[in-house]
All heavy atoms as atom14 arrays in JSON, in Angstrom:
{
  "sequence": "LAAEVEAGRFREDLYYRLAVVRVELPPLRQR",
  "atom14_mask": [
    [1, 1, 1, 1, 1, 1, 1, 1, 0, 0, 0, 0, 0, 0],
    [1, 1, 1, 1, 1, 0, 0, 0, 0, 0, 0, 0, 0, 0],
    [1, 1, 1, 1, 1, 0, 0, 0, 0, 0, 0, 0, 0, 0],
    [1, 1, 1, 1, 1, 1, 1, 1, 1, 0, 0, 0, 0, 0],
    [1, 1, 1, 1, 1, 1, 1, 0, 0, 0, 0, 0, 0, 0],
    [1, 1, 1, 1, 1, 1, 1, 1, 1, 0, 0, 0, 0, 0],
    [1, 1, 1, 1, 1, 0, 0, 0, 0, 0, 0, 0, 0, 0],
    [1, 1, 1, 1, 0, 0, 0, 0, 0, 0, 0, 0, 0, 0],
    [1, 1, 1, 1, 1, 1, 1, 1, 1, 1, 1, 0, 0, 0],
    [1, 1, 1, 1, 1, 1, 1, 1, 1, 1, 1, 0, 0, 0],
    [1, 1, 1, 1, 1, 1, 1, 1, 1, 1, 1, 0, 0, 0],
    [1, 1, 1, 1, 1, 1, 1, 1, 1, 0, 0, 0, 0, 0],
    [1, 1, 1, 1, 1, 1, 1, 1, 0, 0, 0, 0, 0, 0],
    [1, 1, 1, 1, 1, 1, 1, 1, 0, 0, 0, 0, 0, 0],
    [1, 1, 1, 1, 1, 1, 1, 1, 1, 1, 1, 1, 0, 0],
    [1, 1, 1, 1, 1, 1, 1, 1, 1, 1, 1, 1, 0, 0],
    [1, 1, 1, 1, 1, 1, 1, 1, 1, 1, 1, 0, 0, 0],
    [1, 1, 1, 1, 1, 1, 1, 1, 0, 0, 0, 0, 0, 0],
    [1, 1, 1, 1, 1, 0, 0, 0, 0, 0, 0, 0, 0, 0],
    [1, 1, 1, 1, 1, 1, 1, 0, 0, 0, 0, 0, 0, 0],
    [1, 1, 1, 1, 1, 1, 1, 0, 0, 0, 0, 0, 0, 0],
    [1, 1, 1, 1, 1, 1, 1, 1, 1, 1, 1, 0, 0, 0],
    [1, 1, 1, 1, 1, 1, 1, 0, 0, 0, 0, 0, 0, 0],
    [1, 1, 1, 1, 1, 1, 1, 1, 1, 0, 0, 0, 0, 0],
    [1, 1, 1, 1, 1, 1, 1, 1, 0, 0, 0, 0, 0, 0],
    [1, 1, 1, 1, 1, 1, 1, 0, 0, 0, 0, 0, 0, 0],
    [1, 1, 1, 1, 1, 1, 1, 0, 0, 0, 0, 0, 0, 0],
    [1, 1, 1, 1, 1, 1, 1, 1, 0, 0, 0, 0, 0, 0],
    [1, 1, 1, 1, 1, 1, 1, 1, 1, 1, 1, 0, 0, 0],
    [1, 1, 1, 1, 1, 1, 1, 1, 1, 0, 0, 0, 0, 0],
    [1, 1, 1, 1, 1, 1, 1, 1, 1, 1, 1, 0, 0, 0]
  ],
  "atom14_positions": [
    [[3.22, 34.03, 129.81], [3.78, 32.98, 128.95], [2.7, 32.3, 128.13], [2.98, 31.85, 127.02], [4.49, 31.94, 129.8], [5.94, 32.25, 130.25], [6.6, 30.99, 130.73], [6.73, 32.86, 129.07], [0.0, 0.0, 0.0], [0.0, 0.0, 0.0], [0.0, 0.0, 0.0], [0.0, 0.0, 0.0], [0.0, 0.0, 0.0], [0.0, 0.0, 0.0]],
    [[1.47, 32.21, 128.65], [0.4, 31.63, 127.85], [0.17, 32.46, 126.59], [-0.08, 31.93, 125.5], [-0.88, 31.52, 128.69], [0.0, 0.0, 0.0], [0.0, 0.0, 0.0], [0.0, 0.0, 0.0], [0.0, 0.0, 0.0], [0.0, 0.0, 0.0], [0.0, 0.0, 0.0], [0.0, 0.0, 0.0], [0.0, 0.0, 0.0], [0.0, 0.0, 0.0]],
    [[0.24, 33.75, 126.73], [0.08, 34.64, 125.56], [1.28, 34.49, 124.58], [1.11, 34.56, 123.38], [-0.05, 36.08, 126.0], [0.0, 0.0, 0.0], [0.0, 0.0, 0.0], [0.0, 0.0, 0.0], [0.0, 0.0, 0.0], [0.0, 0.0, 0.0], [0.0, 0.0, 0.0], [0.0, 0.0, 0.0], [0.0, 0.0, 0.0], [0.0, 0.0, 0.0]],
    [[2.48, 34.29, 125.17], [3.63, 34.07, 124.34], [3.53, 32.76, 123.55], [3.96, 32.68, 122.39], [4.91, 34.03, 125.21], [5.25, 35.34, 125.93], [5.52, 36.45, 124.95], [6.53, 36.34, 124.19], [4.77, 37.42, 124.89], [0.0, 0.0, 0.0], [0.0, 0.0, 0.0], [0.0, 0.0, 0.0], [0.0, 0.0, 0.0], [0.0, 0.0, 0.0]],
    [[2.93, 31.76, 124.15], [2.68, 30.48, 123.47], [1.72, 30.75, 122.31], [1.91, 30.28, 121.18], [2.1, 29.45, 124.41], [1.6, 28.2, 123.67], [3.15, 29.0, 125.43], [0.0, 0.0, 0.0], [0.0, 0.0, 0.0], [0.0, 0.0, 0.0], [0.0, 0.0, 0.0], [0.0, 0.0, 0.0], [0.0, 0.0, 0.0], [0.0, 0.0, 0.0]],
    [[0.65, 31.47, 122.59], [-0.36, 31.78, 121.55], [0.27, 32.54, 120.39], [-0.1, 32.31, 119.24], [-1.49, 32.59, 122.19], [-2.66, 32.87, 121.27], [-3.48, 31.63, 121.0], [-3.42, 30.66, 121.78], [-4.22, 31.65, 119.99], [0.0, 0.0, 0.0], [0.0, 0.0, 0.0], [0.0, 0.0, 0.0], [0.0, 0.0, 0.0], [0.0, 0.0, 0.0]],
    [[1.21, 33.43, 120.69], [1.85, 34.24, 119.67], [2.97, 33.5, 118.95], [3.54, 34.03, 118.0], [2.37, 35.53, 120.28], [0.0, 0.0, 0.0], [0.0, 0.0, 0.0], [0.0, 0.0, 0.0], [0.0, 0.0, 0.0], [0.0, 0.0, 0.0], [0.0, 0.0, 0.0], [0.0, 0.0, 0.0], [0.0, 0.0, 0.0], [0.0, 0.0, 0.0]],
    [[3.27, 32.28, 119.38], [4.31, 31.5, 118.72], [5.69, 31.83, 119.16], [6.67, 31.38, 118.54], [0.0, 0.0, 0.0], [0.0, 0.0, 0.0], [0.0, 0.0, 0.0], [0.0, 0.0, 0.0], [0.0, 0.0, 0.0], [0.0, 0.0, 0.0], [0.0, 0.0, 0.0], [0.0, 0.0, 0.0], [0.0, 0.0, 0.0], [0.0, 0.0, 0.0]],
    [[5.83, 32.59, 120.27], [7.18, 32.96, 120.72], [7.7, 32.05, 121.84], [8.85, 32.23, 122.28], [7.15, 34.44, 121.2], [6.95, 35.46, 120.11], [7.12, 36.85, 120.63], [6.05, 37.26, 121.51], [4.96, 37.9, 121.13], [4.8, 38.23, 119.85], [4.04, 38.24, 122.01], [0.0, 0.0, 0.0], [0.0, 0.0, 0.0], [0.0, 0.0, 0.0]],
    [[6.86, 31.18, 122.33], [7.27, 30.24, 123.36], [6.6, 28.88, 123.12], [5.43, 28.82, 122.81], [6.89, 30.77, 124.74], [7.74, 30.19, 125.85], [8.96, 30.75, 126.17], [7.31, 29.09, 126.55], [9.72, 30.25, 127.19], [8.07, 28.54, 127.58], [9.29, 29.14, 127.91], [0.0, 0.0, 0.0], [0.0, 0.0, 0.0], [0.0, 0.0, 0.0]],
    [[7.4, 27.83, 123.24], [6.88, 26.5, 122.94], [5.87, 26.02, 124.01], [6.08, 26.16, 125.21], [8.03, 25.49, 122.92], [8.93, 25.59, 121.71], [10.06, 24.57, 121.81], [9.56, 23.21, 121.79], [9.68, 22.37, 120.78], [10.28, 22.77, 119.66], [9.24, 21.15, 120.86], [0.0, 0.0, 0.0], [0.0, 0.0, 0.0], [0.0, 0.0, 0.0]],
    [[4.76, 25.51, 123.54], [3.71, 25.07, 124.44], [4.16, 23.93, 125.34], [3.87, 23.88, 126.52], [2.46, 24.65, 123.64], [1.27, 24.33, 124.52], [0.0, 24.08, 123.68], [0.15, 23.66, 122.51], [-1.11, 24.32, 124.18], [0.0, 0.0, 0.0], [0.0, 0.0, 0.0], [0.0, 0.0, 0.0], [0.0, 0.0, 0.0], [0.0, 0.0, 0.0]],
    [[4.91, 22.96, 124.74], [5.35, 21.8, 125.53], [6.32, 22.22, 126.62], [6.32, 21.69, 127.74], [5.93, 20.72, 124.64], [6.96, 21.23, 123.62], [7.27, 22.45, 123.67], [7.43, 20.43, 122.79], [0.0, 0.0, 0.0], [0.0, 0.0, 0.0], [0.0, 0.0, 0.0], [0.0, 0.0, 0.0], [0.0, 0.0, 0.0], [0.0, 0.0, 0.0]],
    [[7.17, 23.22, 126.32], [8.11, 23.7, 127.32], [7.37, 24.44, 128.43], [7.69, 24.31, 129.61], [9.16, 24.6, 126.69], [10.18, 25.23, 127.65], [10.93, 24.17, 128.43], [11.15, 26.13, 126.9], [0.0, 0.0, 0.0], [0.0, 0.0, 0.0], [0.0, 0.0, 0.0], [0.0, 0.0, 0.0], [0.0, 0.0, 0.0], [0.0, 0.0, 0.0]],
    [[6.32, 25.21, 128.05], [5.54, 25.94, 129.05], [4.94, 24.99, 130.06], [5.06, 25.2, 131.27], [4.43, 26.73, 128.34], [3.4, 27.32, 129.3], [3.73, 28.41, 130.09], [2.15, 26.77, 129.37], [2.78, 28.92, 130.96], [1.19, 27.28, 130.24], [1.53, 28.36, 131.05], [0.6, 28.88, 131.95], [0.0, 0.0, 0.0], [0.0, 0.0, 0.0]],
    [[4.31, 23.91, 129.59], [3.68, 22.99, 130.52], [4.69, 22.21, 131.32], [4.44, 21.8, 132.45], [2.74, 22.04, 129.76], [1.48, 22.74, 129.29], [1.23, 22.87, 127.93], [0.58, 23.25, 130.21], [0.07, 23.53, 127.51], [-0.54, 23.9, 129.77], [-0.82, 24.02, 128.41], [-1.95, 24.7, 128.03], [0.0, 0.0, 0.0], [0.0, 0.0, 0.0]],
    [[5.91, 22.01, 130.74], [6.93, 21.27, 131.49], [7.5, 22.15, 132.62], [7.86, 21.66, 133.67], [8.06, 20.89, 130.5], [9.12, 19.99, 131.14], [8.56, 18.64, 131.54], [9.52, 17.83, 132.25], [9.87, 17.96, 133.52], [9.27, 18.9, 134.24], [10.72, 17.17, 134.09], [0.0, 0.0, 0.0], [0.0, 0.0, 0.0], [0.0, 0.0, 0.0]],
    [[7.55, 23.45, 132.38], [8.03, 24.36, 133.42], [6.98, 24.63, 134.47], [7.29, 24.83, 135.65], [8.45, 25.7, 132.79], [9.71, 25.7, 131.92], [9.83, 27.01, 131.18], [10.95, 25.45, 132.78], [0.0, 0.0, 0.0], [0.0, 0.0, 0.0], [0.0, 0.0, 0.0], [0.0, 0.0, 0.0], [0.0, 0.0, 0.0], [0.0, 0.0, 0.0]],
    [[5.69, 24.66, 134.06], [4.61, 25.05, 134.96], [4.02, 23.84, 135.7], [2.81, 23.73, 135.82], [3.54, 25.79, 134.2], [0.0, 0.0, 0.0], [0.0, 0.0, 0.0], [0.0, 0.0, 0.0], [0.0, 0.0, 0.0], [0.0, 0.0, 0.0], [0.0, 0.0, 0.0], [0.0, 0.0, 0.0], [0.0, 0.0, 0.0], [0.0, 0.0, 0.0]],
    [[4.89, 22.95, 136.18], [4.38, 21.83, 136.99], [3.67, 22.41, 138.23], [2.56, 22.02, 138.62], [5.54, 20.93, 137.44], [5.02, 19.85, 138.39], [6.18, 20.28, 136.2], [0.0, 0.0, 0.0], [0.0, 0.0, 0.0], [0.0, 0.0, 0.0], [0.0, 0.0, 0.0], [0.0, 0.0, 0.0], [0.0, 0.0, 0.0], [0.0, 0.0, 0.0]],
    [[4.3, 23.4, 138.86], [3.68, 24.23, 139.9], [3.82, 25.67, 139.53], [4.91, 26.12, 139.2], [4.32, 23.96, 141.27], [3.7, 24.85, 142.35], [4.22, 22.49, 141.67], [0.0, 0.0, 0.0], [0.0, 0.0, 0.0], [0.0, 0.0, 0.0], [0.0, 0.0, 0.0], [0.0, 0.0, 0.0], [0.0, 0.0, 0.0], [0.0, 0.0, 0.0]],
    [[2.76, 26.4, 139.58], [2.79, 27.82, 139.27], [2.62, 28.64, 140.55], [1.7, 28.39, 141.35], [1.67, 28.24, 138.3], [1.87, 27.71, 136.87], [0.69, 28.12, 136.01], [0.5, 29.54, 135.95], [-0.67, 30.14, 135.76], [-1.77, 29.42, 135.63], [-0.75, 31.45, 135.71], [0.0, 0.0, 0.0], [0.0, 0.0, 0.0], [0.0, 0.0, 0.0]],
    [[3.52, 29.57, 140.77], [3.44, 30.47, 141.91], [3.27, 31.87, 141.35], [4.1, 32.4, 140.64], [4.73, 30.41, 142.79], [4.67, 31.47, 143.88], [4.9, 29.03, 143.35], [0.0, 0.0, 0.0], [0.0, 0.0, 0.0], [0.0, 0.0, 0.0], [0.0, 0.0, 0.0], [0.0, 0.0, 0.0], [0.0, 0.0, 0.0], [0.0, 0.0, 0.0]],
    [[2.11, 32.48, 141.66], [1.81, 33.85, 141.19], [2.01, 34.81, 142.31], [1.29, 34.76, 143.34], [0.37, 33.92, 140.67], [0.09, 33.0, 139.48], [-1.36, 33.08, 139.02], [-1.76, 34.2, 138.6], [-2.07, 32.09, 139.12], [0.0, 0.0, 0.0], [0.0, 0.0, 0.0], [0.0, 0.0, 0.0], [0.0, 0.0, 0.0], [0.0, 0.0, 0.0]],
    [[2.97, 35.74, 142.18], [3.22, 36.71, 143.21], [2.32, 37.93, 142.98], [2.33, 38.54, 141.9], [4.69, 37.16, 143.16], [5.72, 36.15, 143.7], [7.12, 36.75, 143.55], [5.43, 35.81, 145.15], [0.0, 0.0, 0.0], [0.0, 0.0, 0.0], [0.0, 0.0, 0.0], [0.0, 0.0, 0.0], [0.0, 0.0, 0.0], [0.0, 0.0, 0.0]],
    [[1.57, 38.36, 143.99], [0.69, 39.51, 143.84], [1.49, 40.79, 143.79], [2.47, 40.94, 144.51], [-0.2, 39.43, 145.05], [0.63, 38.73, 146.1], [1.48, 37.77, 145.35], [0.0, 0.0, 0.0], [0.0, 0.0, 0.0], [0.0, 0.0, 0.0], [0.0, 0.0, 0.0], [0.0, 0.0, 0.0], [0.0, 0.0, 0.0], [0.0, 0.0, 0.0]],
    [[1.09, 41.77, 142.99], [1.75, 43.08, 143.0], [1.46, 43.78, 144.31], [0.48, 43.46, 145.01], [1.11, 43.81, 141.84], [-0.21, 43.16, 141.6], [0.0, 41.72, 141.98], [0.0, 0.0, 0.0], [0.0, 0.0, 0.0], [0.0, 0.0, 0.0], [0.0, 0.0, 0.0], [0.0, 0.0, 0.0], [0.0, 0.0, 0.0], [0.0, 0.0, 0.0]],
    [[2.28, 44.74, 144.71], [2.13, 45.39, 145.99], [0.8, 46.12, 146.13], [0.25, 46.21, 147.21], [3.31, 46.36, 146.2], [3.46, 46.97, 147.58], [3.53, 45.88, 148.66], [4.7, 47.85, 147.63], [0.0, 0.0, 0.0], [0.0, 0.0, 0.0], [0.0, 0.0, 0.0], [0.0, 0.0, 0.0], [0.0, 0.0, 0.0], [0.0, 0.0, 0.0]],
    [[0.28, 46.65, 145.0], [-0.99, 47.37, 145.08], [-2.17, 46.45, 145.48], [-3.23, 46.93, 145.82], [-1.28, 48.05, 143.75], [-1.44, 47.11, 142.56], [-1.64, 47.82, 141.24], [-1.62, 46.89, 140.12], [-0.53, 46.48, 139.54], [0.64, 46.89, 139.94], [-0.59, 45.63, 138.53], [0.0, 0.0, 0.0], [0.0, 0.0, 0.0], [0.0, 0.0, 0.0]],
    [[-1.95, 45.14, 145.33], [-3.0, 44.2, 145.75], [-2.8, 43.66, 147.17], [-3.56, 42.83, 147.61], [-3.07, 43.04, 144.75], [-3.59, 43.43, 143.4], [-3.55, 42.3, 142.41], [-3.33, 41.12, 142.76], [-3.8, 42.58, 141.14], [0.0, 0.0, 0.0], [0.0, 0.0, 0.0], [0.0, 0.0, 0.0], [0.0, 0.0, 0.0], [0.0, 0.0, 0.0]],
    [[-1.79, 44.15, 147.85], [-1.57, 43.75, 149.26], [-1.04, 44.93, 150.04], [-0.01, 44.9, 150.7], [-0.62, 42.57, 149.33], [0.73, 42.73, 148.64], [1.57, 41.49, 148.81], [2.94, 41.6, 148.38], [4.01, 41.6, 149.17], [3.86, 41.51, 150.47], [5.24, 41.66, 148.69], [0.0, 0.0, 0.0], [0.0, 0.0, 0.0], [0.0, 0.0, 0.0]]
  ]
}
């Protein structure tokens, strides 16, 4: 989403409003 913000496809203010807490799920190859 950060890249989408940079490309102008996603609003920066909405991104930060959604990302109050970020949960990153690791892909299976990393576990």
